[in-house]
Structure formats: structure tokens, C-alpha cells
Amino acid sequence: PGFCGVIPIVQKAVRQCSNLYNLINEENRNFSLQWKLDPSDNYFEDELTRAEKAFKYRSFVELRTIPHWGLLATYGGGGYVANLGITKGQASSLLDDLLENDWLDYYTRAVFVEFTIYNPNINVFASVSYLFESPATGAMISSARASTFQLFTDLSGMMLLVVVCQVIYMMLITYFMIREALKFRRLGKLYWTDTWNYVEILIISLSWTTLAVYLMREIVGRLILGSLIENKGDDDDDDDDDDDDDSYTNICLVPYIT
């Protein structure tokens, strides 16, 4: 509120207006129930109810998220989070409290509904995100995103074969890297006159980048999995590992296509 004004000629008929969302005017203050401004940031998280926590702003650092590109705008990683818990009763109780305290109000511009499911039969996690955007004209525009990824590697069956192939591939890349280094040492400046040498360098660089992203994905996956086990039902976002998995796939495609 307060980022736009009603022109004088229609102020008697229209008392308020609401701007479009952008990162500059995003709300980041702490509130108490029913969006009453909380002038003090001195509060103990453990003493708050789940409904009261939903009115406290959390930054993208706390949530471990990144900006999200929606249909109407790009949304920052921070916001107001309501943890629905892990049972139907917990979710129903919190939703009643949020409805009673107008958690979604006139100024709400986007609502993210996120959850993660796991299929132990194929060792795959699925991260699902529904986005409901509210333009200044009203109504809701919805979109959805679903991504699958693995948080840990099961060294059995076909997965063992995949790991063996990955090791062989990195051994070949090491061989080609040494070969190119010796070739450069032999040719000197003439090495840069052959276009295919640039292609070889690109493939080698992307292959090592792929390895780095793969290791990062494994590390982040284990951290997230450990956090989920230790803090069951808390707000652990899987965006980090999801994005690492996407990056790993995209980088892998380039050397193979080349």
C-alpha cells in the first residue's frame, strides 16, 4: 500500500488503489496477526504460533531460494511463509487460522504452493510448485512447475553402470586434456590457428564444469536430505538441488552434442 494514489476526480468513488508487483516495492516488514504492523523485530521464533510465523518476513537467504520468473513478474526469493505441517489436521488447522486473520488480502500479488514427494521404488524426488498471480485488475492467473531429481545415488543395478560410464568418461577427458597440453607445447602459437583445437578446449572445459556441478549437486542433496531428516516438517526448499540438477543436465548436453 501507499505506492499509488487515486486521482482527485474519482476519490469519492474509489478510496484505494494497488500497484503492480515489482522487486522495489516488495513488502519486507514484520507483522502480527491480521497484518498489524509489528514495530519491534525482537521476538523469539519458538514462542510464535505457526499462524504468527506466517506474518513474519523471511529473506531468500533464510529460505534458500532464488528469484522466480512468473507470468506477470519476477518475484524475489523472500516472502511470508506458512508451513502447513506434515499431516492433514495440521494443514487444516493452519489454513483456518490464516483465513480468519486475512493472510491473503487485497495486496497479495503472488501465492506459491510448494511440496516435495518421494518415490522409493525409483529413487526419485519430485518438486512441485503452483504459482497463483494476482494482477492489479484482480482475479488469479495460475501456472505450475514440476521437476524430478535424485538427492542421492543408489549404487545398484543400472545406476552402477551409469557411474562406471561417468568414471570412464572423465578418464577419457583427462587423457584428451593431457594430449592437448602436449600438442600446445609442441606447436606453440601455431596451436591457436586450428579451429578444432578451440572445440577440444570447449569440450574439456564443459566436461570439468559438469563434474563440478555434479559434485555440488551431491553435496547440496545430502545437506538437504540431512536437514529434512533432522527438522521434519520445517521449511526446507529444494530449489537449490533442483536448479543444480537442471544446470547439470544442460551442461552435459553441450559436450555430447558437440
C-alpha atoms as a PDB file:
ATOM      1  CA  PRO A   1       0.000   0.000   0.000  1.00  0.00           C
ATOM      2  CA  GLY A   2       0.983   3.619  -0.473  1.00  0.00           C
ATOM      3  CA  PHE A   3       2.758   3.236  -3.809  1.00  0.00           C
ATOM      4  CA  CYS A   4      -0.019   4.721  -5.924  1.00  0.00           C
ATOM      5  CA  GLY A   5      -2.702   7.363  -5.470  1.00  0.00           C
ATOM      6  CA  VAL A   6      -6.287   7.785  -6.626  1.00  0.00           C
ATOM      7  CA  ILE A   7      -6.808  10.840  -8.831  1.00  0.00           C
ATOM      8  CA  PRO A   8      -8.948  13.514  -7.095  1.00  0.00           C
ATOM      9  CA  ILE A   9     -11.875  13.347  -9.514  1.00  0.00           C
ATOM     10  CA  VAL A  10     -12.765   9.765  -8.537  1.00  0.00           C
ATOM     11  CA  GLN A  11     -11.663   9.728  -4.884  1.00  0.00           C
ATOM     12  CA  LYS A  12     -15.247   9.688  -3.642  1.00  0.00           C
ATOM     13  CA  ALA A  13     -15.999   6.522  -5.589  1.00  0.00           C
ATOM     14  CA  VAL A  14     -12.614   4.790  -5.336  1.00  0.00           C
ATOM     15  CA  ARG A  15     -10.837   5.019  -1.990  1.00  0.00           C
ATOM     16  CA  GLN A  16      -7.694   2.974  -2.668  1.00  0.00           C
ATOM     17  CA  CYS A  17      -5.548   1.582  -5.435  1.00  0.00           C
ATOM     18  CA  SER A  18      -2.913  -1.092  -5.673  1.00  0.00           C
ATOM     19  CA  ASN A  19       0.235  -1.108  -7.778  1.00  0.00           C
ATOM     20  CA  LEU A  20       1.673  -3.864  -9.912  1.00  0.00           C
ATOM     21  CA  TYR A  21       4.290  -6.017  -8.199  1.00  0.00           C
ATOM     22  CA  ASN A  22       7.979  -5.297  -8.601  1.00  0.00           C
ATOM     23  CA  LEU A  23      11.079  -6.109  -6.567  1.00  0.00           C
ATOM     24  CA  ILE A  24      11.491  -2.482  -5.463  1.00  0.00           C
ATOM     25  CA  ASN A  25       8.137  -2.123  -3.692  1.00  0.00           C
ATOM     26  CA  GLU A  26       8.035  -5.672  -2.303  1.00  0.00           C
ATOM     27  CA  GLU A  27       6.873  -5.727   1.329  1.00  0.00           C
ATOM     28  CA  ASN A  28       9.569  -6.918   3.742  1.00  0.00           C
ATOM     29  CA  ARG A  29       8.396  -5.783   7.171  1.00  0.00           C
ATOM     30  CA  ASN A  30       7.278  -7.982  10.050  1.00  0.00           C
ATOM     31  CA  PHE A  31       3.623  -8.015  11.050  1.00  0.00           C
ATOM     32  CA  SER A  32       1.430  -9.541  13.708  1.00  0.00           C
ATOM     33  CA  LEU A  33      -1.902 -11.243  13.009  1.00  0.00           C
ATOM     34  CA  GLN A  34      -4.249  -9.523  10.532  1.00  0.00           C
ATOM     35  CA  TRP A  35      -1.307  -7.593   9.066  1.00  0.00           C
ATOM     36  CA  LYS A  36      -0.944  -5.240  12.004  1.00  0.00           C
ATOM     37  CA  LEU A  37       2.494  -3.658  11.777  1.00  0.00           C
ATOM     38  CA  ASP A  38       4.905  -5.040  14.357  1.00  0.00           C
ATOM     39  CA  PRO A  39       7.298  -2.176  15.252  1.00  0.00           C
ATOM     40  CA  SER A  40       9.709  -4.495  17.034  1.00  0.00           C
ATOM     41  CA  ASP A  41      11.830  -7.192  15.454  1.00  0.00           C
ATOM     42  CA  ASN A  42      12.723  -8.582  18.863  1.00  0.00           C
ATOM     43  CA  TYR A  43      10.776 -11.801  19.042  1.00  0.00           C
ATOM     44  CA  PHE A  44      11.581 -15.422  19.742  1.00  0.00           C
ATOM     45  CA  GLU A  45      10.732 -17.782  16.897  1.00  0.00           C
ATOM     46  CA  ASP A  46       9.941 -20.651  19.274  1.00  0.00           C
ATOM     47  CA  GLU A  47       7.317 -18.572  21.109  1.00  0.00           C
ATOM     48  CA  LEU A  48       5.282 -17.835  17.967  1.00  0.00           C
ATOM     49  CA  THR A  49       2.396 -19.937  16.734  1.00  0.00           C
ATOM     50  CA  ARG A  50       2.531 -21.252  13.179  1.00  0.00           C
ATOM     51  CA  ALA A  51      -0.026 -18.628  12.140  1.00  0.00           C
ATOM     52  CA  GLU A  52       2.044 -15.827  13.715  1.00  0.00           C
ATOM     53  CA  LYS A  53       5.172 -17.078  11.922  1.00  0.00           C
ATOM     54  CA  ALA A  54       3.326 -16.707   8.625  1.00  0.00           C
ATOM     55  CA  PHE A  55       3.210 -12.932   9.139  1.00  0.00           C
ATOM     56  CA  LYS A  56       6.976 -12.599   9.631  1.00  0.00           C
ATOM     57  CA  TYR A  57       9.056 -11.800   6.570  1.00  0.00           C
ATOM     58  CA  ARG A  58      11.742 -14.282   5.621  1.00  0.00           C
ATOM     59  CA  SER A  59      14.540 -13.383   3.230  1.00  0.00           C
ATOM     60  CA  PHE A  60      15.741 -15.501   0.324  1.00  0.00           C
ATOM     61  CA  VAL A  61      18.832 -16.340   2.402  1.00  0.00           C
ATOM     62  CA  GLU A  62      16.695 -17.858   5.162  1.00  0.00           C
ATOM     63  CA  LEU A  63      14.527 -19.725   2.677  1.00  0.00           C
ATOM     64  CA  ARG A  64      17.475 -20.719   0.476  1.00  0.00           C
ATOM     65  CA  THR A  65      15.589 -19.788  -2.669  1.00  0.00           C
ATOM     66  CA  ILE A  66      16.225 -17.833  -5.851  1.00  0.00           C
ATOM     67  CA  PRO A  67      14.027 -15.360  -7.773  1.00  0.00           C
ATOM     68  CA  HIS A  68      11.106 -16.973  -9.587  1.00  0.00           C
ATOM     69  CA  TRP A  69      10.003 -15.951 -13.066  1.00  0.00           C
ATOM     70  CA  GLY A  70       6.217 -15.909 -13.209  1.00  0.00           C
ATOM     71  CA  LEU A  71       3.815 -14.994 -15.999  1.00  0.00           C
ATOM     72  CA  LEU A  72       3.316 -11.428 -14.764  1.00  0.00           C
ATOM     73  CA  ALA A  73       6.526 -10.588 -12.912  1.00  0.00           C
ATOM     74  CA  THR A  74       9.802 -11.829 -11.485  1.00  0.00           C
ATOM     75  CA  TYR A  75       9.402 -12.468  -7.771  1.00  0.00           C
ATOM     76  CA  GLY A  76      12.170 -12.203  -5.204  1.00  0.00           C
ATOM     77  CA  GLY A  77      13.123 -15.239  -3.189  1.00  0.00           C
ATOM     78  CA  GLY A  78      11.810 -13.811   0.094  1.00  0.00           C
ATOM     79  CA  GLY A  79       8.285 -13.568   1.437  1.00  0.00           C
ATOM     80  CA  TYR A  80       5.820 -14.719   4.065  1.00  0.00           C
ATOM     81  CA  VAL A  81       5.779 -18.487   4.555  1.00  0.00           C
ATOM     82  CA  ALA A  82       3.083 -20.702   6.029  1.00  0.00           C
ATOM     83  CA  ASN A  83       4.316 -24.192   6.872  1.00  0.00           C
ATOM     84  CA  LEU A  84       1.315 -26.497   6.550  1.00  0.00           C
ATOM     85  CA  GLY A  85       2.983 -29.279   8.518  1.00  0.00           C
ATOM     86  CA  ILE A  86       3.050 -32.967   7.661  1.00  0.00           C
ATOM     87  CA  THR A  87      -0.499 -34.094   8.487  1.00  0.00           C
ATOM     88  CA  LYS A  88      -3.931 -33.213   7.153  1.00  0.00           C
ATOM     89  CA  GLY A  89      -5.003 -31.989  10.596  1.00  0.00           C
ATOM     90  CA  GLN A  90      -2.057 -29.597  10.908  1.00  0.00           C
ATOM     91  CA  ALA A  91      -2.687 -28.193   7.434  1.00  0.00           C
ATOM     92  CA  SER A  92      -6.420 -27.758   8.005  1.00  0.00           C
ATOM     93  CA  SER A  93      -5.898 -26.033  11.367  1.00  0.00           C
ATOM     94  CA  LEU A  94      -3.351 -23.576   9.993  1.00  0.00           C
ATOM     95  CA  LEU A  95      -5.438 -22.767   6.921  1.00  0.00           C
ATOM     96  CA  ASP A  96      -8.392 -21.928   9.181  1.00  0.00           C
ATOM     97  CA  ASP A  97      -6.178 -19.576  11.228  1.00  0.00           C
ATOM     98  CA  LEU A  98      -4.786 -17.906   8.100  1.00  0.00           C
ATOM     99  CA  LEU A  99      -8.272 -17.440   6.665  1.00  0.00           C
ATOM    100  CA  GLU A 100      -9.502 -15.956   9.945  1.00  0.00           C
ATOM    101  CA  ASN A 101      -6.600 -13.478  10.026  1.00  0.00           C
ATOM    102  CA  ASP A 102      -6.780 -12.447   6.342  1.00  0.00           C
ATOM    103  CA  TRP A 103      -3.347 -13.774   5.428  1.00  0.00           C
ATOM    104  CA  LEU A 104      -4.333 -13.438   1.765  1.00  0.00           C
ATOM    105  CA  ASP A 105      -5.622  -9.911   1.314  1.00  0.00           C
ATOM    106  CA  TYR A 106      -6.134  -7.115  -1.214  1.00  0.00           C
ATOM    107  CA  TYR A 107      -2.401  -6.507  -1.568  1.00  0.00           C
ATOM    108  CA  THR A 108      -1.368 -10.120  -2.151  1.00  0.00           C
ATOM    109  CA  ARG A 109       0.284 -10.382  -5.550  1.00  0.00           C
ATOM    110  CA  ALA A 110       1.514 -13.982  -5.649  1.00  0.00           C
ATOM    111  CA  VAL A 111       0.931 -17.217  -3.769  1.00  0.00           C
ATOM    112  CA  PHE A 112       3.322 -20.145  -4.105  1.00  0.00           C
ATOM    113  CA  VAL A 113       2.136 -23.616  -3.130  1.00  0.00           C
ATOM    114  CA  GLU A 114       5.164 -25.910  -2.938  1.00  0.00           C
ATOM    115  CA  PHE A 115       5.633 -29.502  -1.865  1.00  0.00           C
ATOM    116  CA  THR A 116       8.023 -32.373  -2.479  1.00  0.00           C
ATOM    117  CA  ILE A 117       7.184 -36.058  -2.830  1.00  0.00           C
ATOM    118  CA  TYR A 118       9.445 -39.098  -2.950  1.00  0.00           C
ATOM    119  CA  ASN A 119       9.023 -42.377  -4.828  1.00  0.00           C
ATOM    120  CA  PRO A 120      11.261 -45.005  -3.182  1.00  0.00           C
ATOM    121  CA  ASN A 121      10.611 -47.510  -5.976  1.00  0.00           C
ATOM    122  CA  ILE A 122      12.651 -45.497  -8.476  1.00  0.00           C
ATOM    123  CA  ASN A 123      14.624 -43.313  -6.028  1.00  0.00           C
ATOM    124  CA  VAL A 124      13.255 -40.060  -7.429  1.00  0.00           C
ATOM    125  CA  PHE A 125      12.103 -36.865  -5.724  1.00  0.00           C
ATOM    126  CA  ALA A 126       9.530 -34.621  -7.376  1.00  0.00           C
ATOM    127  CA  SER A 127       9.394 -30.920  -6.562  1.00  0.00           C
ATOM    128  CA  VAL A 128       6.031 -29.371  -7.436  1.00  0.00           C
ATOM    129  CA  SER A 129       5.319 -25.646  -7.402  1.00  0.00           C
ATOM    130  CA  TYR A 130       1.993 -23.960  -8.150  1.00  0.00           C
ATOM    131  CA  LEU A 131       2.038 -20.194  -8.637  1.00  0.00           C
ATOM    132  CA  PHE A 132      -1.097 -18.066  -8.379  1.00  0.00           C
ATOM    133  CA  GLU A 133      -0.539 -14.474  -9.508  1.00  0.00           C
ATOM    134  CA  SER A 134      -2.936 -11.625  -8.875  1.00  0.00           C
ATOM    135  CA  PRO A 135      -2.665  -8.627 -11.232  1.00  0.00           C
ATOM    136  CA  ALA A 136      -3.779  -5.169 -10.152  1.00  0.00           C
ATOM    137  CA  THR A 137      -7.021  -5.717 -12.053  1.00  0.00           C
ATOM    138  CA  GLY A 138      -7.967  -8.654  -9.815  1.00  0.00           C
ATOM    139  CA  ALA A 139      -8.595 -12.374 -10.427  1.00  0.00           C
ATOM    140  CA  MET A 140      -5.878 -15.039 -10.409  1.00  0.00           C
ATOM    141  CA  ILE A 141      -3.559 -16.422 -13.071  1.00  0.00           C
ATOM    142  CA  SER A 142      -2.151 -19.853 -12.317  1.00  0.00           C
ATOM    143  CA  SER A 143       0.901 -21.740 -13.535  1.00  0.00           C
ATOM    144  CA  ALA A 144       2.674 -24.889 -12.420  1.00  0.00           C
ATOM    145  CA  ARG A 145       6.140 -26.388 -12.470  1.00  0.00           C
ATOM    146  CA  ALA A 146       7.157 -29.952 -11.665  1.00  0.00           C
ATOM    147  CA  SER A 147      10.747 -31.198 -11.615  1.00  0.00           C
ATOM    148  CA  THR A 148      12.207 -34.581 -10.784  1.00  0.00           C
ATOM    149  CA  PHE A 149      15.662 -35.191  -9.368  1.00  0.00           C
ATOM    150  CA  GLN A 150      17.694 -37.551  -7.202  1.00  0.00           C
ATOM    151  CA  LEU A 151      19.116 -36.438  -3.859  1.00  0.00           C
ATOM    152  CA  PHE A 152      21.390 -39.441  -3.505  1.00  0.00           C
ATOM    153  CA  THR A 153      22.881 -42.084  -5.761  1.00  0.00           C
ATOM    154  CA  ASP A 154      21.928 -45.720  -5.308  1.00  0.00           C
ATOM    155  CA  LEU A 155      24.924 -47.768  -6.487  1.00  0.00           C
ATOM    156  CA  SER A 156      22.981 -50.785  -7.692  1.00  0.00           C
ATOM    157  CA  GLY A 157      21.585 -52.093 -10.964  1.00  0.00           C
ATOM    158  CA  MET A 158      21.719 -49.693 -13.903  1.00  0.00           C
ATOM    159  CA  MET A 159      22.884 -46.829 -11.679  1.00  0.00           C
ATOM    160  CA  LEU A 160      26.152 -48.659 -11.063  1.00  0.00           C
ATOM    161  CA  LEU A 161      26.655 -48.902 -14.829  1.00  0.00           C
ATOM    162  CA  VAL A 162      25.981 -45.166 -15.154  1.00  0.00           C
ATOM    163  CA  VAL A 163      28.612 -44.362 -12.512  1.00  0.00           C
ATOM    164  CA  VAL A 164      31.145 -46.626 -14.256  1.00  0.00           C
ATOM    165  CA  CYS A 165      30.458 -44.852 -17.563  1.00  0.00           C
ATOM    166  CA  GLN A 166      30.901 -41.480 -15.856  1.00  0.00           C
ATOM    167  CA  VAL A 167      34.284 -42.540 -14.466  1.00  0.00           C
ATOM    168  CA  ILE A 168      35.402 -43.819 -17.887  1.00  0.00           C
ATOM    169  CA  TYR A 169      34.258 -40.565 -19.493  1.00  0.00           C
ATOM    170  CA  MET A 170      36.269 -38.433 -17.041  1.00  0.00           C
ATOM    171  CA  MET A 171      39.319 -40.648 -17.629  1.00  0.00           C
ATOM    172  CA  LEU A 172      38.981 -40.005 -21.370  1.00  0.00           C
ATOM    173  CA  ILE A 173      38.625 -36.272 -20.767  1.00  0.00           C
ATOM    174  CA  THR A 174      41.795 -36.347 -18.647  1.00  0.00           C
ATOM    175  CA  TYR A 175      43.583 -38.144 -21.492  1.00  0.00           C
ATOM    176  CA  PHE A 176      42.411 -35.583 -24.072  1.00  0.00           C
ATOM    177  CA  MET A 177      43.398 -32.719 -21.761  1.00  0.00           C
ATOM    178  CA  ILE A 178      46.945 -34.093 -21.427  1.00  0.00           C
ATOM    179  CA  ARG A 179      47.065 -34.680 -25.189  1.00  0.00           C
ATOM    180  CA  GLU A 180      46.034 -31.090 -25.916  1.00  0.00           C
ATOM    181  CA  ALA A 181      48.583 -29.758 -23.422  1.00  0.00           C
ATOM    182  CA  LEU A 182      51.385 -31.715 -25.134  1.00  0.00           C
ATOM    183  CA  LYS A 183      50.111 -30.574 -28.525  1.00  0.00           C
ATOM    184  CA  PHE A 184      50.191 -26.939 -27.410  1.00  0.00           C
ATOM    185  CA  ARG A 185      53.691 -27.381 -26.038  1.00  0.00           C
ATOM    186  CA  ARG A 186      54.844 -28.801 -29.384  1.00  0.00           C
ATOM    187  CA  LEU A 187      53.139 -26.278 -31.686  1.00  0.00           C
ATOM    188  CA  GLY A 188      53.318 -23.133 -29.583  1.00  0.00           C
ATOM    189  CA  LYS A 189      51.442 -20.202 -31.168  1.00  0.00           C
ATOM    190  CA  LEU A 190      50.503 -22.322 -34.184  1.00  0.00           C
ATOM    191  CA  TYR A 191      48.173 -24.269 -31.880  1.00  0.00           C
ATOM    192  CA  TRP A 192      45.666 -21.398 -31.977  1.00  0.00           C
ATOM    193  CA  THR A 193      45.438 -21.432 -35.779  1.00  0.00           C
ATOM    194  CA  ASP A 194      43.411 -24.651 -35.822  1.00  0.00           C
ATOM    195  CA  THR A 195      39.687 -24.097 -35.151  1.00  0.00           C
ATOM    196  CA  TRP A 196      39.179 -27.650 -33.909  1.00  0.00           C
ATOM    197  CA  ASN A 197      41.563 -27.005 -31.031  1.00  0.00           C
ATOM    198  CA  TYR A 198      39.063 -24.452 -29.702  1.00  0.00           C
ATOM    199  CA  VAL A 199      36.346 -27.108 -29.907  1.00  0.00           C
ATOM    200  CA  GLU A 200      38.526 -29.539 -27.936  1.00  0.00           C
ATOM    201  CA  ILE A 201      39.161 -26.904 -25.250  1.00  0.00           C
ATOM    202  CA  LEU A 202      35.426 -26.149 -25.050  1.00  0.00           C
ATOM    203  CA  ILE A 203      34.535 -29.825 -24.612  1.00  0.00           C
ATOM    204  CA  ILE A 204      37.210 -30.312 -21.933  1.00  0.00           C
ATOM    205  CA  SER A 205      36.129 -27.157 -20.050  1.00  0.00           C
ATOM    206  CA  LEU A 206      32.444 -28.079 -20.104  1.00  0.00           C
ATOM    207  CA  SER A 207      33.220 -31.632 -19.014  1.00  0.00           C
ATOM    208  CA  TRP A 208      35.101 -30.452 -15.928  1.00  0.00           C
ATOM    209  CA  THR A 209      32.340 -27.918 -15.251  1.00  0.00           C
ATOM    210  CA  THR A 210      29.848 -30.785 -15.430  1.00  0.00           C
ATOM    211  CA  LEU A 211      31.881 -32.710 -12.869  1.00  0.00           C
ATOM    212  CA  ALA A 212      31.934 -29.665 -10.552  1.00  0.00           C
ATOM    213  CA  VAL A 213      28.154 -29.206 -10.822  1.00  0.00           C
ATOM    214  CA  TYR A 214      27.619 -32.942 -10.274  1.00  0.00           C
ATOM    215  CA  LEU A 215      29.680 -32.858  -7.070  1.00  0.00           C
ATOM    216  CA  MET A 216      27.866 -29.708  -5.950  1.00  0.00           C
ATOM    217  CA  ARG A 217      24.526 -31.410  -6.583  1.00  0.00           C
ATOM    218  CA  GLU A 218      25.577 -34.409  -4.489  1.00  0.00           C
ATOM    219  CA  ILE A 219      26.774 -32.189  -1.622  1.00  0.00           C
ATOM    220  CA  VAL A 220      23.668 -29.972  -1.639  1.00  0.00           C
ATOM    221  CA  GLY A 221      21.447 -33.046  -1.905  1.00  0.00           C
ATOM    222  CA  ARG A 222      22.975 -34.641   1.174  1.00  0.00           C
ATOM    223  CA  LEU A 223      22.707 -31.375   3.121  1.00  0.00           C
ATOM    224  CA  ILE A 224      19.027 -31.013   2.217  1.00  0.00           C
ATOM    225  CA  LEU A 225      18.286 -34.657   2.973  1.00  0.00           C
ATOM    226  CA  GLY A 226      20.032 -34.414   6.336  1.00  0.00           C
ATOM    227  CA  SER A 227      18.130 -31.229   7.144  1.00  0.00           C
ATOM    228  CA  LEU A 228      14.801 -32.850   6.227  1.00  0.00           C
ATOM    229  CA  ILE A 229      15.509 -35.803   8.497  1.00  0.00           C
ATOM    230  CA  GLU A 230      16.667 -33.600  11.378  1.00  0.00           C
ATOM    231  CA  ASN A 231      13.894 -30.985  11.072  1.00  0.00           C
ATOM    232  CA  LYS A 232      10.911 -32.979   9.889  1.00  0.00           C
ATOM    233  CA  GLY A 233       8.119 -30.688   8.721  1.00  0.00           C
ATOM    234  CA  ASP A 234      10.187 -27.494   8.590  1.00  0.00           C
ATOM    235  CA  ASP A 235      10.505 -25.192   5.576  1.00  0.00           C
ATOM    236  CA  ASP A 236      13.333 -26.767   3.609  1.00  0.00           C
ATOM    237  CA  ASP A 237      13.249 -25.660  -0.008  1.00  0.00           C
ATOM    238  CA  ASP A 238      14.526 -27.980  -2.739  1.00  0.00           C
ATOM    239  CA  ASP A 239      15.132 -25.211  -5.265  1.00  0.00           C
ATOM    240  CA  ASP A 240      18.889 -25.388  -4.772  1.00  0.00           C
ATOM    241  CA  ASP A 241      19.155 -29.031  -5.684  1.00  0.00           C
ATOM    242  CA  ASP A 242      16.508 -28.707  -8.377  1.00  0.00           C
ATOM    243  CA  ASP A 243      18.455 -25.920 -10.087  1.00  0.00           C
ATOM    244  CA  ASP A 244      21.744 -27.777  -9.684  1.00  0.00           C
ATOM    245  CA  ASP A 245      20.117 -30.765 -11.369  1.00  0.00           C
ATOM    246  CA  ASP A 246      18.891 -28.598 -14.265  1.00  0.00           C
ATOM    247  CA  SER A 247      22.320 -26.997 -14.649  1.00  0.00           C
ATOM    248  CA  TYR A 248      23.996 -30.403 -14.615  1.00  0.00           C
ATOM    249  CA  THR A 249      21.682 -31.685 -17.369  1.00  0.00           C
ATOM    250  CA  ASN A 250      22.085 -28.597 -19.560  1.00  0.00           C
ATOM    251  CA  ILE A 251      25.879 -28.542 -19.300  1.00  0.00           C
ATOM    252  CA  CYS A 252      26.064 -32.284 -20.015  1.00  0.00           C
ATOM    253  CA  LEU A 253      24.173 -31.831 -23.277  1.00  0.00           C
ATOM    254  CA  VAL A 254      26.749 -29.489 -24.835  1.00  0.00           C
ATOM    255  CA  PRO A 255      29.794 -31.824 -24.906  1.00  0.00           C
ATOM    256  CA  TYR A 256      27.701 -34.740 -26.184  1.00  0.00           C
ATOM    257  CA  ILE A 257      26.069 -32.640 -28.931  1.00  0.00           C
ATOM    258  CA  THR A 258      29.449 -31.172 -29.882  1.00  0.00           C
END
